[in-house]
Amino acid sequence: MALEYVTLGWNVIGIVVLAVAALSARSVALAGFGLDSLIEIGASTVV
């Protein structure tokens, strides 16, 4: 159970980093990858 929370926390940190990188680079690809990570977090909370 603790590993699930660590993984979710790591993914949230990754989203924040990707959002900052996408905004600073003005990259649609990085923004899309961040959105994919957000969807992955949503899916993992359901399962």
PDB file of N, CA and C in Angstrom:
ATOM      1  N   MET A   1       0.825  -1.198   0.000  1.00  0.00           N
ATOM      2  CA  MET A   1       0.000   0.000   0.000  1.00  0.00           C
ATOM      3  C   MET A   1       0.865   1.256   0.000  1.00  0.00           C
ATOM      4  N   ALA A   2       1.940   1.226   0.772  1.00  0.00           N
ATOM      5  CA  ALA A   2       2.819   2.396   0.831  1.00  0.00           C
ATOM      6  C   ALA A   2       3.480   2.647  -0.519  1.00  0.00           C
ATOM      7  N   LEU A   3       3.793   1.584  -1.236  1.00  0.00           N
ATOM      8  CA  LEU A   3       4.418   1.739  -2.546  1.00  0.00           C
ATOM      9  C   LEU A   3       3.486   2.454  -3.518  1.00  0.00           C
ATOM     10  N   GLU A   4       2.197   2.208  -3.407  1.00  0.00           N
ATOM     11  CA  GLU A   4       1.230   2.894  -4.261  1.00  0.00           C
ATOM     12  C   GLU A   4       1.249   4.394  -4.009  1.00  0.00           C
ATOM     13  N   TYR A   5       1.299   4.786  -2.746  1.00  0.00           N
ATOM     14  CA  TYR A   5       1.330   6.211  -2.419  1.00  0.00           C
ATOM     15  C   TYR A   5       2.633   6.861  -2.866  1.00  0.00           C
ATOM     16  N   VAL A   6       3.721   6.143  -2.740  1.00  0.00           N
ATOM     17  CA  VAL A   6       5.008   6.675  -3.204  1.00  0.00           C
ATOM     18  C   VAL A   6       4.978   6.867  -4.718  1.00  0.00           C
ATOM     19  N   THR A   7       4.408   5.907  -5.421  1.00  0.00           N
ATOM     20  CA  THR A   7       4.313   6.007  -6.875  1.00  0.00           C
ATOM     21  C   THR A   7       3.424   7.168  -7.287  1.00  0.00           C
ATOM     22  N   LEU A   8       2.291   7.329  -6.622  1.00  0.00           N
ATOM     23  CA  LEU A   8       1.414   8.458  -6.931  1.00  0.00           C
ATOM     24  C   LEU A   8       2.107   9.784  -6.652  1.00  0.00           C
ATOM     25  N   GLY A   9       2.803   9.868  -5.536  1.00  0.00           N
ATOM     26  CA  GLY A   9       3.539  11.090  -5.206  1.00  0.00           C
ATOM     27  C   GLY A   9       4.608  11.402  -6.238  1.00  0.00           C
ATOM     28  N   TRP A  10       5.313  10.360  -6.672  1.00  0.00           N
ATOM     29  CA  TRP A  10       6.348  10.543  -7.683  1.00  0.00           C
ATOM     30  C   TRP A  10       5.734  11.036  -8.994  1.00  0.00           C
ATOM     31  N   ASN A  11       4.596  10.501  -9.372  1.00  0.00           N
ATOM     32  CA  ASN A  11       3.925  10.936 -10.598  1.00  0.00           C
ATOM     33  C   ASN A  11       3.451  12.380 -10.495  1.00  0.00           C
ATOM     34  N   VAL A  12       2.975  12.785  -9.324  1.00  0.00           N
ATOM     35  CA  VAL A  12       2.546  14.178  -9.137  1.00  0.00           C
ATOM     36  C   VAL A  12       3.741  15.115  -9.269  1.00  0.00           C
ATOM     37  N   ILE A  13       4.869  14.736  -8.678  1.00  0.00           N
ATOM     38  CA  ILE A  13       6.079  15.546  -8.816  1.00  0.00           C
ATOM     39  C   ILE A  13       6.481  15.633 -10.291  1.00  0.00           C
ATOM     40  N   GLY A  14       6.363  14.520 -10.988  1.00  0.00           N
ATOM     41  CA  GLY A  14       6.685  14.507 -12.414  1.00  0.00           C
ATOM     42  C   GLY A  14       5.790  15.427 -13.218  1.00  0.00           C
ATOM     43  N   ILE A  15       4.523  15.489 -12.867  1.00  0.00           N
ATOM     44  CA  ILE A  15       3.600  16.379 -13.571  1.00  0.00           C
ATOM     45  C   ILE A  15       3.987  17.835 -13.363  1.00  0.00           C
ATOM     46  N   VAL A  16       4.350  18.176 -12.137  1.00  0.00           N
ATOM     47  CA  VAL A  16       4.759  19.558 -11.850  1.00  0.00           C
ATOM     48  C   VAL A  16       6.011  19.912 -12.651  1.00  0.00           C
ATOM     49  N   VAL A  17       6.982  19.012 -12.659  1.00  0.00           N
ATOM     50  CA  VAL A  17       8.214  19.255 -13.419  1.00  0.00           C
ATOM     51  C   VAL A  17       7.908  19.378 -14.911  1.00  0.00           C
ATOM     52  N   LEU A  18       7.066  18.502 -15.423  1.00  0.00           N
ATOM     53  CA  LEU A  18       6.705  18.562 -16.838  1.00  0.00           C
ATOM     54  C   LEU A  18       5.937  19.830 -17.175  1.00  0.00           C
ATOM     55  N   ALA A  19       5.074  20.280 -16.276  1.00  0.00           N
ATOM     56  CA  ALA A  19       4.323  21.509 -16.533  1.00  0.00           C
ATOM     57  C   ALA A  19       5.263  22.707 -16.614  1.00  0.00           C
ATOM     58  N   VAL A  20       6.207  22.780 -15.693  1.00  0.00           N
ATOM     59  CA  VAL A  20       7.174  23.887 -15.717  1.00  0.00           C
ATOM     60  C   VAL A  20       8.024  23.817 -16.984  1.00  0.00           C
ATOM     61  N   ALA A  21       8.481  22.621 -17.324  1.00  0.00           N
ATOM     62  CA  ALA A  21       9.304  22.456 -18.525  1.00  0.00           C
ATOM     63  C   ALA A  21       8.512  22.786 -19.787  1.00  0.00           C
ATOM     64  N   ALA A  22       7.259  22.357 -19.841  1.00  0.00           N
ATOM     65  CA  ALA A  22       6.428  22.621 -21.020  1.00  0.00           C
ATOM     66  C   ALA A  22       6.165  24.109 -21.182  1.00  0.00           C
ATOM     67  N   LEU A  23       5.920  24.786 -20.075  1.00  0.00           N
ATOM     68  CA  LEU A  23       5.670  26.224 -20.161  1.00  0.00           C
ATOM     69  C   LEU A  23       6.930  26.995 -20.536  1.00  0.00           C
ATOM     70  N   SER A  24       8.054  26.627 -19.959  1.00  0.00           N
ATOM     71  CA  SER A  24       9.280  27.366 -20.255  1.00  0.00           C
ATOM     72  C   SER A  24       9.777  27.087 -21.673  1.00  0.00           C
ATOM     73  N   ALA A  25       9.579  25.871 -22.169  1.00  0.00           N
ATOM     74  CA  ALA A  25      10.016  25.526 -23.523  1.00  0.00           C
ATOM     75  C   ALA A  25       8.922  25.768 -24.557  1.00  0.00           C
ATOM     76  N   ARG A  26       7.723  26.059 -24.088  1.00  0.00           N
ATOM     77  CA  ARG A  26       6.554  26.219 -24.966  1.00  0.00           C
ATOM     78  C   ARG A  26       6.394  25.001 -25.877  1.00  0.00           C
ATOM     79  N   SER A  27       6.466  23.831 -25.223  1.00  0.00           N
ATOM     80  CA  SER A  27       6.442  22.570 -25.958  1.00  0.00           C
ATOM     81  C   SER A  27       5.101  21.865 -25.774  1.00  0.00           C
ATOM     82  N   VAL A  28       4.436  21.629 -26.880  1.00  0.00           N
ATOM     83  CA  VAL A  28       3.175  20.902 -26.853  1.00  0.00           C
ATOM     84  C   VAL A  28       3.423  19.431 -26.513  1.00  0.00           C
ATOM     85  N   ALA A  29       4.556  18.904 -26.957  1.00  0.00           N
ATOM     86  CA  ALA A  29       4.882  17.501 -26.687  1.00  0.00           C
ATOM     87  C   ALA A  29       5.058  17.262 -25.187  1.00  0.00           C
ATOM     88  N   LEU A  30       5.759  18.154 -24.498  1.00  0.00           N
ATOM     89  CA  LEU A  30       5.926  18.007 -23.053  1.00  0.00           C
ATOM     90  C   LEU A  30       4.592  18.159 -22.334  1.00  0.00           C
ATOM     91  N   ALA A  31       3.759  19.072 -22.806  1.00  0.00           N
ATOM     92  CA  ALA A  31       2.443  19.242 -22.198  1.00  0.00           C
ATOM     93  C   ALA A  31       1.603  17.981 -22.390  1.00  0.00           C
ATOM     94  N   GLY A  32       1.694  17.378 -23.553  1.00  0.00           N
ATOM     95  CA  GLY A  32       0.968  16.137 -23.809  1.00  0.00           C
ATOM     96  C   GLY A  32       1.456  14.991 -22.945  1.00  0.00           C
ATOM     97  N   PHE A  33       2.766  14.930 -22.741  1.00  0.00           N
ATOM     98  CA  PHE A  33       3.322  13.891 -21.876  1.00  0.00           C
ATOM     99  C   PHE A  33       2.862  14.096 -20.437  1.00  0.00           C
ATOM    100  N   GLY A  34       2.775  15.358 -20.010  1.00  0.00           N
ATOM    101  CA  GLY A  34       2.265  15.654 -18.670  1.00  0.00           C
ATOM    102  C   GLY A  34       0.802  15.271 -18.534  1.00  0.00           C
ATOM    103  N   LEU A  35       0.030  15.519 -19.574  1.00  0.00           N
ATOM    104  CA  LEU A  35      -1.381  15.131 -19.555  1.00  0.00           C
ATOM    105  C   LEU A  35      -1.519  13.615 -19.496  1.00  0.00           C
ATOM    106  N   ASP A  36      -0.649  12.913 -20.197  1.00  0.00           N
ATOM    107  CA  ASP A  36      -0.643  11.451 -20.134  1.00  0.00           C
ATOM    108  C   ASP A  36      -0.347  10.972 -18.715  1.00  0.00           C
ATOM    109  N   SER A  37       0.573  11.626 -18.044  1.00  0.00           N
ATOM    110  CA  SER A  37       0.886  11.263 -16.658  1.00  0.00           C
ATOM    111  C   SER A  37      -0.304  11.524 -15.744  1.00  0.00           C
ATOM    112  N   LEU A  38      -1.023  12.600 -16.008  1.00  0.00           N
ATOM    113  CA  LEU A  38      -2.214  12.907 -15.215  1.00  0.00           C
ATOM    114  C   LEU A  38      -3.279  11.830 -15.407  1.00  0.00           C
ATOM    115  N   ILE A  39      -3.465  11.388 -16.624  1.00  0.00           N
ATOM    116  CA  ILE A  39      -4.417  10.312 -16.901  1.00  0.00           C
ATOM    117  C   ILE A  39      -3.971   9.028 -16.215  1.00  0.00           C
ATOM    118  N   GLU A  40      -2.673   8.780 -16.214  1.00  0.00           N
ATOM    119  CA  GLU A  40      -2.132   7.588 -15.558  1.00  0.00           C
ATOM    120  C   GLU A  40      -2.405   7.612 -14.053  1.00  0.00           C
ATOM    121  N   ILE A  41      -2.288   8.780 -13.438  1.00  0.00           N
ATOM    122  CA  ILE A  41      -2.597   8.904 -12.009  1.00  0.00           C
ATOM    123  C   ILE A  41      -4.074   8.615 -11.769  1.00  0.00           C
ATOM    124  N   GLY A  42      -4.927   9.167 -12.611  1.00  0.00           N
ATOM    125  CA  GLY A  42      -6.355   8.910 -12.464  1.00  0.00           C
ATOM    126  C   GLY A  42      -6.692   7.440 -12.601  1.00  0.00           C
ATOM    127  N   ALA A  43      -6.060   6.784 -13.555  1.00  0.00           N
ATOM    128  CA  ALA A  43      -6.312   5.356 -13.745  1.00  0.00           C
ATOM    129  C   ALA A  43      -5.809   4.539 -12.562  1.00  0.00           C
ATOM    130  N   SER A  44      -4.679   4.916 -12.008  1.00  0.00           N
ATOM    131  CA  SER A  44      -4.135   4.132 -10.896  1.00  0.00           C
ATOM    132  C   SER A  44      -4.926   4.332  -9.611  1.00  0.00           C
ATOM    133  N   THR A  45      -5.603   5.460  -9.468  1.00  0.00           N
ATOM    134  CA  THR A  45      -6.432   5.639  -8.276  1.00  0.00           C
ATOM    135  C   THR A  45      -7.717   4.823  -8.371  1.00  0.00           C
ATOM    136  N   VAL A  46      -8.169   4.547  -9.583  1.00  0.00           N
ATOM    137  CA  VAL A  46      -9.370   3.739  -9.766  1.00  0.00           C
ATOM    138  C   VAL A  46      -9.071   2.271  -9.482  1.00  0.00           C
ATOM    139  N   VAL A  47      -7.918   1.835  -9.912  1.00  0.00           N
ATOM    140  CA  VAL A  47      -7.536   0.422  -9.758  1.00  0.00           C
ATOM    141  C   VAL A  47      -7.084   0.212  -8.395  1.00  0.00           C
TER     142      VAL A  47
END
